[in-house]
Every structure is written in structure tokens, then in C-alpha cells.
């Protein structure tokens, strides 16, 4: 299940960020479960995990200098 980041939206208070494990089918939260304040879901770049060894295919980054493949234009 993915972990989503939320932040409070009241401009008169310090921003509070927190993480919630939710199904991708769940609607985004509207309120902070602890305080009841209005929140919005933050879009982030995410992260990946690269595990070496035991793989039968090429590892991420083994094609050129990035993991997209030849001719993608980003590397």
C-alpha cells in the first residue's frame, strides 16, 4: 500500500506534514486525523529502492547512465 504525504493548509498556523498509508482507491484525506485541521495531499517525486544481486535482468542504470533505455533523451 502506498504512503501519501499530507500537509495542513491553514496559513495562520505552521505547516504540519504527516504520512498516511492508504490504498490507491481511497479518496484523499480532507482533515488531519489527529487535529481535524484541513489538509491537502502533497505530490512528491517518490523514491525507489535498488537491490543488488539475485537479479536475472539488467539493473536500474545499467543501460547508459540512467534507467530509461537508449534514445529516451533524458540522459
PDB file of N, CA and C in Angstrom:
ATOM      1  N   UNK A   1       0.843  -1.172   0.000  1.00  0.00           N
ATOM      2  CA  UNK A   1       0.000   0.000   0.000  1.00  0.00           C
ATOM      3  C   UNK A   1       0.894   1.242   0.000  1.00  0.00           C
ATOM      4  N   UNK A   2       0.578   2.232  -0.831  1.00  0.00           N
ATOM      5  CA  UNK A   2       1.415   3.433  -0.881  1.00  0.00           C
ATOM      6  C   UNK A   2       1.278   4.290   0.374  1.00  0.00           C
ATOM      7  N   UNK A   3       2.302   5.075   0.610  1.00  0.00           N
ATOM      8  CA  UNK A   3       2.302   6.037   1.713  1.00  0.00           C
ATOM      9  C   UNK A   3       2.204   7.425   1.101  1.00  0.00           C
ATOM     10  N   UNK A   4       1.181   8.175   1.508  1.00  0.00           N
ATOM     11  CA  UNK A   4       0.956   9.521   0.989  1.00  0.00           C
ATOM     12  C   UNK A   4       1.350  10.556   2.035  1.00  0.00           C
ATOM     13  N   UNK A   5       1.854  11.687   1.550  1.00  0.00           N
ATOM     14  CA  UNK A   5       2.224  12.802   2.423  1.00  0.00           C
ATOM     15  C   UNK A   5       1.110  13.837   2.353  1.00  0.00           C
ATOM     16  N   UNK A   6       0.699  14.310   3.510  1.00  0.00           N
ATOM     17  CA  UNK A   6      -0.308  15.362   3.614  1.00  0.00           C
ATOM     18  C   UNK A   6       0.290  16.527   4.378  1.00  0.00           C
ATOM     19  N   UNK A   7      -0.268  17.729   4.149  1.00  0.00           N
ATOM     20  CA  UNK A   7       0.138  18.891   4.934  1.00  0.00           C
ATOM     21  C   UNK A   7      -1.081  19.739   5.240  1.00  0.00           C
ATOM     22  N   UNK A   8      -1.027  20.402   6.391  1.00  0.00           N
ATOM     23  CA  UNK A   8      -2.115  21.286   6.784  1.00  0.00           C
ATOM     24  C   UNK A   8      -2.102  22.527   5.903  1.00  0.00           C
ATOM     25  N   UNK A   9      -3.267  23.170   5.770  1.00  0.00           N
ATOM     26  CA  UNK A   9      -3.391  24.285   4.825  1.00  0.00           C
ATOM     27  C   UNK A   9      -3.742  25.621   5.470  1.00  0.00           C
ATOM     28  N   UNK A  10      -3.867  25.679   6.775  1.00  0.00           N
ATOM     29  CA  UNK A  10      -4.212  26.943   7.445  1.00  0.00           C
ATOM     30  C   UNK A  10      -3.007  27.878   7.424  1.00  0.00           C
ATOM     31  N   UNK A  11      -3.097  29.009   6.676  1.00  0.00           N
ATOM     32  CA  UNK A  11      -1.942  29.905   6.563  1.00  0.00           C
ATOM     33  C   UNK A  11      -1.578  30.625   7.864  1.00  0.00           C
ATOM     34  N   UNK A  12      -2.473  30.618   8.840  1.00  0.00           N
ATOM     35  CA  UNK A  12      -2.179  31.303  10.098  1.00  0.00           C
ATOM     36  C   UNK A  12      -1.423  30.412  11.087  1.00  0.00           C
ATOM     37  N   UNK A  13      -1.202  29.146  10.722  1.00  0.00           N
ATOM     38  CA  UNK A  13      -0.506  28.204  11.602  1.00  0.00           C
ATOM     39  C   UNK A  13       0.687  27.607  10.870  1.00  0.00           C
ATOM     40  N   UNK A  14       1.673  27.112  11.610  1.00  0.00           N
ATOM     41  CA  UNK A  14       2.798  26.421  10.959  1.00  0.00           C
ATOM     42  C   UNK A  14       2.295  25.183  10.208  1.00  0.00           C
ATOM     43  N   UNK A  15       2.913  24.902   9.067  1.00  0.00           N
ATOM     44  CA  UNK A  15       2.538  23.732   8.279  1.00  0.00           C
ATOM     45  C   UNK A  15       2.979  22.474   9.017  1.00  0.00           C
ATOM     46  N   UNK A  16       2.075  21.521   9.091  1.00  0.00           N
ATOM     47  CA  UNK A  16       2.391  20.224   9.692  1.00  0.00           C
ATOM     48  C   UNK A  16       2.271  19.178   8.595  1.00  0.00           C
ATOM     49  N   UNK A  17       3.336  18.411   8.378  1.00  0.00           N
ATOM     50  CA  UNK A  17       3.325  17.331   7.389  1.00  0.00           C
ATOM     51  C   UNK A  17       3.279  15.994   8.107  1.00  0.00           C
ATOM     52  N   UNK A  18       2.551  15.062   7.510  1.00  0.00           N
ATOM     53  CA  UNK A  18       2.473  13.714   8.071  1.00  0.00           C
ATOM     54  C   UNK A  18       2.217  12.723   6.942  1.00  0.00           C
ATOM     55  N   UNK A  19       2.475  11.464   7.212  1.00  0.00           N
ATOM     56  CA  UNK A  19       2.320  10.402   6.224  1.00  0.00           C
ATOM     57  C   UNK A  19       1.175   9.482   6.626  1.00  0.00           C
ATOM     58  N   UNK A  20       0.465   8.988   5.603  1.00  0.00           N
ATOM     59  CA  UNK A  20      -0.645   8.067   5.829  1.00  0.00           C
ATOM     60  C   UNK A  20      -0.545   6.932   4.813  1.00  0.00           C
ATOM     61  N   UNK A  21      -0.633   5.702   5.289  1.00  0.00           N
ATOM     62  CA  UNK A  21      -0.654   4.547   4.392  1.00  0.00           C
ATOM     63  C   UNK A  21      -2.103   4.353   3.947  1.00  0.00           C
ATOM     64  N   UNK A  22      -2.333   4.458   2.619  1.00  0.00           N
ATOM     65  CA  UNK A  22      -3.681   4.344   2.074  1.00  0.00           C
ATOM     66  C   UNK A  22      -3.665   3.512   0.804  1.00  0.00           C
ATOM     67  N   UNK A  23      -4.787   2.919   0.501  1.00  0.00           N
ATOM     68  CA  UNK A  23      -4.953   2.249  -0.781  1.00  0.00           C
ATOM     69  C   UNK A  23      -5.035   3.311  -1.874  1.00  0.00           C
ATOM     70  N   UNK A  24      -4.619   2.965  -3.075  1.00  0.00           N
ATOM     71  CA  UNK A  24      -4.715   3.911  -4.187  1.00  0.00           C
ATOM     72  C   UNK A  24      -6.178   4.200  -4.522  1.00  0.00           C
ATOM     73  N   UNK A  25      -7.088   3.339  -4.092  1.00  0.00           N
ATOM     74  CA  UNK A  25      -8.518   3.530  -4.340  1.00  0.00           C
ATOM     75  C   UNK A  25      -9.160   4.480  -3.333  1.00  0.00           C
ATOM     76  N   UNK A  26      -8.501   4.724  -2.192  1.00  0.00           N
ATOM     77  CA  UNK A  26      -9.055   5.605  -1.161  1.00  0.00           C
ATOM     78  C   UNK A  26      -9.055   7.050  -1.624  1.00  0.00           C
ATOM     79  N   UNK A  27     -10.073   7.786  -1.217  1.00  0.00           N
ATOM     80  CA  UNK A  27     -10.109   9.218  -1.504  1.00  0.00           C
ATOM     81  C   UNK A  27      -9.074   9.918  -0.629  1.00  0.00           C
ATOM     82  N   UNK A  28      -8.493  11.031  -1.124  1.00  0.00           N
ATOM     83  CA  UNK A  28      -7.546  11.791  -0.297  1.00  0.00           C
ATOM     84  C   UNK A  28      -8.235  12.302   0.977  1.00  0.00           C
ATOM     85  N   UNK A  29      -7.462  12.385   2.050  1.00  0.00           N
ATOM     86  CA  UNK A  29      -8.000  12.926   3.295  1.00  0.00           C
ATOM     87  C   UNK A  29      -8.346  14.397   3.121  1.00  0.00           C
ATOM     88  N   UNK A  30      -9.369  14.853   3.815  1.00  0.00           N
ATOM     89  CA  UNK A  30      -9.734  16.266   3.821  1.00  0.00           C
ATOM     90  C   UNK A  30      -9.308  16.923   5.128  1.00  0.00           C
ATOM     91  N   UNK A  31      -9.175  16.093   6.191  1.00  0.00           N
ATOM     92  CA  UNK A  31      -8.822  16.616   7.513  1.00  0.00           C
ATOM     93  C   UNK A  31      -7.728  15.771   8.140  1.00  0.00           C
ATOM     94  N   UNK A  32      -6.910  16.419   8.964  1.00  0.00           N
ATOM     95  CA  UNK A  32      -5.867  15.741   9.728  1.00  0.00           C
ATOM     96  C   UNK A  32      -6.553  14.833  10.750  1.00  0.00           C
ATOM     97  N   UNK A  33      -6.245  13.533  10.760  1.00  0.00           N
ATOM     98  CA  UNK A  33      -6.892  12.628  11.703  1.00  0.00           C
ATOM     99  C   UNK A  33      -6.622  12.970  13.171  1.00  0.00           C
ATOM    100  N   UNK A  34      -5.501  13.646  13.469  1.00  0.00           N
ATOM    101  CA  UNK A  34      -5.169  13.980  14.857  1.00  0.00           C
ATOM    102  C   UNK A  34      -5.785  15.294  15.307  1.00  0.00           C
ATOM    103  N   UNK A  35      -5.784  16.305  14.421  1.00  0.00           N
ATOM    104  CA  UNK A  35      -6.202  17.644  14.842  1.00  0.00           C
ATOM    105  C   UNK A  35      -7.507  18.111  14.221  1.00  0.00           C
ATOM    106  N   UNK A  36      -7.942  17.487  13.136  1.00  0.00           N
ATOM    107  CA  UNK A  36      -9.150  17.921  12.453  1.00  0.00           C
ATOM    108  C   UNK A  36      -8.941  19.093  11.507  1.00  0.00           C
ATOM    109  N   UNK A  37      -7.689  19.580  11.406  1.00  0.00           N
ATOM    110  CA  UNK A  37      -7.400  20.699  10.504  1.00  0.00           C
ATOM    111  C   UNK A  37      -7.514  20.252   9.050  1.00  0.00           C
ATOM    112  N   UNK A  38      -7.841  21.195   8.167  1.00  0.00           N
ATOM    113  CA  UNK A  38      -7.910  20.912   6.736  1.00  0.00           C
ATOM    114  C   UNK A  38      -6.517  20.566   6.213  1.00  0.00           C
ATOM    115  N   UNK A  39      -6.449  19.590   5.316  1.00  0.00           N
ATOM    116  CA  UNK A  39      -5.171  19.148   4.750  1.00  0.00           C
ATOM    117  C   UNK A  39      -5.294  18.976   3.241  1.00  0.00           C
ATOM    118  N   UNK A  40      -4.130  18.905   2.605  1.00  0.00           N
ATOM    119  CA  UNK A  40      -4.067  18.561   1.186  1.00  0.00           C
ATOM    120  C   UNK A  40      -2.980  17.516   1.016  1.00  0.00           C
ATOM    121  N   UNK A  41      -3.152  16.693  -0.011  1.00  0.00           N
ATOM    122  CA  UNK A  41      -2.145  15.674  -0.299  1.00  0.00           C
ATOM    123  C   UNK A  41      -1.027  16.325  -1.102  1.00  0.00           C
ATOM    124  N   UNK A  42       0.210  16.038  -0.729  1.00  0.00           N
ATOM    125  CA  UNK A  42       1.386  16.624  -1.364  1.00  0.00           C
ATOM    126  C   UNK A  42       1.879  15.667  -2.444  1.00  0.00           C
ATOM    127  N   UNK A  43       2.118  16.199  -3.632  1.00  0.00           N
ATOM    128  CA  UNK A  43       2.676  15.399  -4.715  1.00  0.00           C
ATOM    129  C   UNK A  43       4.192  15.468  -4.595  1.00  0.00           C
ATOM    130  N   UNK A  44       4.818  14.308  -4.482  1.00  0.00           N
ATOM    131  CA  UNK A  44       6.272  14.278  -4.347  1.00  0.00           C
ATOM    132  C   UNK A  44       6.866  13.387  -5.429  1.00  0.00           C
ATOM    133  N   UNK A  45       8.169  13.450  -5.553  1.00  0.00           N
ATOM    134  CA  UNK A  45       8.862  12.645  -6.551  1.00  0.00           C
ATOM    135  C   UNK A  45       8.935  11.180  -6.189  1.00  0.00           C
ATOM    136  N   UNK A  46       8.662  10.850  -4.942  1.00  0.00           N
ATOM    137  CA  UNK A  46       8.749   9.468  -4.509  1.00  0.00           C
ATOM    138  C   UNK A  46      10.193   9.006  -4.415  1.00  0.00           C
ATOM    139  N   UNK A  47      10.371   7.721  -4.261  1.00  0.00           N
ATOM    140  CA  UNK A  47      11.714   7.166  -4.204  1.00  0.00           C
ATOM    141  C   UNK A  47      11.654   5.713  -4.645  1.00  0.00           C
ATOM    142  N   UNK A  48      12.783   5.185  -4.973  1.00  0.00           N
ATOM    143  CA  UNK A  48      12.874   3.788  -5.373  1.00  0.00           C
ATOM    144  C   UNK A  48      13.959   3.098  -4.577  1.00  0.00           C
ATOM    145  N   UNK A  49      13.904   1.802  -4.564  1.00  0.00           N
ATOM    146  CA  UNK A  49      14.902   1.013  -3.856  1.00  0.00           C
ATOM    147  C   UNK A  49      15.606   0.132  -4.878  1.00  0.00           C
ATOM    148  N   UNK A  50      16.915   0.154  -4.853  1.00  0.00           N
ATOM    149  CA  UNK A  50      17.715  -0.639  -5.785  1.00  0.00           C
ATOM    150  C   UNK A  50      18.430  -1.716  -4.986  1.00  0.00           C
ATOM    151  N   UNK A  51      18.137  -2.963  -5.293  1.00  0.00           N
ATOM    152  CA  UNK A  51      18.742  -4.086  -4.593  1.00  0.00           C
ATOM    153  C   UNK A  51      19.695  -4.781  -5.551  1.00  0.00           C
ATOM    154  N   UNK A  52      20.930  -4.939  -5.132  1.00  0.00           N
ATOM    155  CA  UNK A  52      21.936  -5.580  -5.987  1.00  0.00           C
ATOM    156  C   UNK A  52      21.986  -7.073  -5.685  1.00  0.00           C
ATOM    157  N   UNK A  53      22.246  -7.843  -6.744  1.00  0.00           N
ATOM    158  CA  UNK A  53      22.399  -9.281  -6.577  1.00  0.00           C
ATOM    159  C   UNK A  53      21.084 -10.019  -6.709  1.00  0.00           C
ATOM    160  N   UNK A  54      21.157 -11.230  -7.219  1.00  0.00           N
ATOM    161  CA  UNK A  54      19.983 -12.071  -7.327  1.00  0.00           C
ATOM    162  C   UNK A  54      19.053 -11.726  -8.473  1.00  0.00           C
ATOM    163  N   UNK A  55      19.379 -10.737  -9.273  1.00  0.00           N
ATOM    164  CA  UNK A  55      18.521 -10.315 -10.371  1.00  0.00           C
ATOM    165  C   UNK A  55      18.930 -11.032 -11.649  1.00  0.00           C
ATOM    166  N   UNK A  56      17.943 -11.391 -12.455  1.00  0.00           N
ATOM    167  CA  UNK A  56      18.249 -12.030 -13.731  1.00  0.00           C
ATOM    168  C   UNK A  56      18.280 -11.033 -14.873  1.00  0.00           C
ATOM    169  N   UNK A  57      17.734  -9.842 -14.664  1.00  0.00           N
ATOM    170  CA  UNK A  57      17.701  -8.833 -15.718  1.00  0.00           C
ATOM    171  C   UNK A  57      18.666  -7.711 -15.420  1.00  0.00           C
ATOM    172  N   UNK A  58      18.723  -6.718 -16.326  1.00  0.00           N
ATOM    173  CA  UNK A  58      19.612  -5.582 -16.091  1.00  0.00           C
ATOM    174  C   UNK A  58      19.143  -4.765 -14.897  1.00  0.00           C
ATOM    175  N   UNK A  59      20.073  -4.184 -14.170  1.00  0.00           N
ATOM    176  CA  UNK A  59      19.712  -3.358 -13.035  1.00  0.00           C
ATOM    177  C   UNK A  59      19.410  -1.948 -13.505  1.00  0.00           C
ATOM    178  N   UNK A  60      18.734  -1.184 -12.658  1.00  0.00           N
ATOM    179  CA  UNK A  60      18.444   0.208 -12.969  1.00  0.00           C
ATOM    180  C   UNK A  60      19.753   0.935 -13.175  1.00  0.00           C
ATOM    181  N   UNK A  61      19.846   1.675 -14.246  1.00  0.00           N
ATOM    182  CA  UNK A  61      21.065   2.418 -14.525  1.00  0.00           C
ATOM    183  C   UNK A  61      22.091   1.633 -15.312  1.00  0.00           C
ATOM    184  N   UNK A  62      21.801   0.374 -15.646  1.00  0.00           N
ATOM    185  CA  UNK A  62      22.796  -0.398 -16.375  1.00  0.00           C
ATOM    186  C   UNK A  62      22.773  -0.101 -17.871  1.00  0.00           C
ATOM    187  N   UNK A  63      21.736   0.556 -18.349  1.00  0.00           N
ATOM    188  CA  UNK A  63      21.655   0.938 -19.758  1.00  0.00           C
ATOM    189  C   UNK A  63      22.054   2.399 -19.842  1.00  0.00           C
ATOM    190  N   UNK A  64      23.245   2.693 -20.320  1.00  0.00           N
ATOM    191  CA  UNK A  64      23.716   4.079 -20.345  1.00  0.00           C
ATOM    192  C   UNK A  64      23.920   4.583 -18.941  1.00  0.00           C
ATOM    193  N   UNK A  65      23.640   5.856 -18.727  1.00  0.00           N
ATOM    194  CA  UNK A  65      23.852   6.445 -17.407  1.00  0.00           C
ATOM    195  C   UNK A  65      22.555   6.599 -16.629  1.00  0.00           C
ATOM    196  N   UNK A  66      21.480   6.044 -17.128  1.00  0.00           N
ATOM    197  CA  UNK A  66      20.185   6.167 -16.473  1.00  0.00           C
ATOM    198  C   UNK A  66      19.375   4.901 -16.729  1.00  0.00           C
ATOM    199  N   UNK A  67      18.172   4.809 -16.204  1.00  0.00           N
ATOM    200  CA  UNK A  67      17.393   3.589 -16.321  1.00  0.00           C
ATOM    201  C   UNK A  67      16.313   3.600 -17.376  1.00  0.00           C
ATOM    202  N   UNK A  68      16.211   4.644 -18.185  1.00  0.00           N
ATOM    203  CA  UNK A  68      15.123   4.741 -19.161  1.00  0.00           C
ATOM    204  C   UNK A  68      15.343   3.875 -20.387  1.00  0.00           C
ATOM    205  N   UNK A  69      16.559   3.725 -20.808  1.00  0.00           N
ATOM    206  CA  UNK A  69      16.855   2.971 -22.015  1.00  0.00           C
ATOM    207  C   UNK A  69      17.422   3.878 -23.089  1.00  0.00           C
ATOM    208  N   UNK A  70      17.927   3.284 -24.148  1.00  0.00           N
ATOM    209  CA  UNK A  70      18.563   4.081 -25.194  1.00  0.00           C
ATOM    210  C   UNK A  70      17.544   4.949 -25.934  1.00  0.00           C
ATOM    211  N   UNK A  71      17.958   6.154 -26.286  1.00  0.00           N
ATOM    212  CA  UNK A  71      17.137   7.047 -27.087  1.00  0.00           C
ATOM    213  C   UNK A  71      16.042   7.781 -26.349  1.00  0.00           C
ATOM    214  N   UNK A  72      16.022   7.733 -25.018  1.00  0.00           N
ATOM    215  CA  UNK A  72      14.941   8.403 -24.295  1.00  0.00           C
ATOM    216  C   UNK A  72      15.123   9.910 -24.256  1.00  0.00           C
ATOM    217  N   UNK A  73      16.359  10.391 -24.358  1.00  0.00           N
ATOM    218  CA  UNK A  73      16.612  11.827 -24.368  1.00  0.00           C
ATOM    219  C   UNK A  73      16.839  12.462 -23.016  1.00  0.00           C
ATOM    220  N   UNK A  74      16.694  11.712 -21.923  1.00  0.00           N
ATOM    221  CA  UNK A  74      16.876  12.340 -20.613  1.00  0.00           C
ATOM    222  C   UNK A  74      18.294  12.191 -20.091  1.00  0.00           C
ATOM    223  N   UNK A  75      19.088  11.325 -20.653  1.00  0.00           N
ATOM    224  CA  UNK A  75      20.412  11.075 -20.102  1.00  0.00           C
ATOM    225  C   UNK A  75      21.461  11.691 -20.908  1.00  0.00           C
TER     226      UNK A  75
END
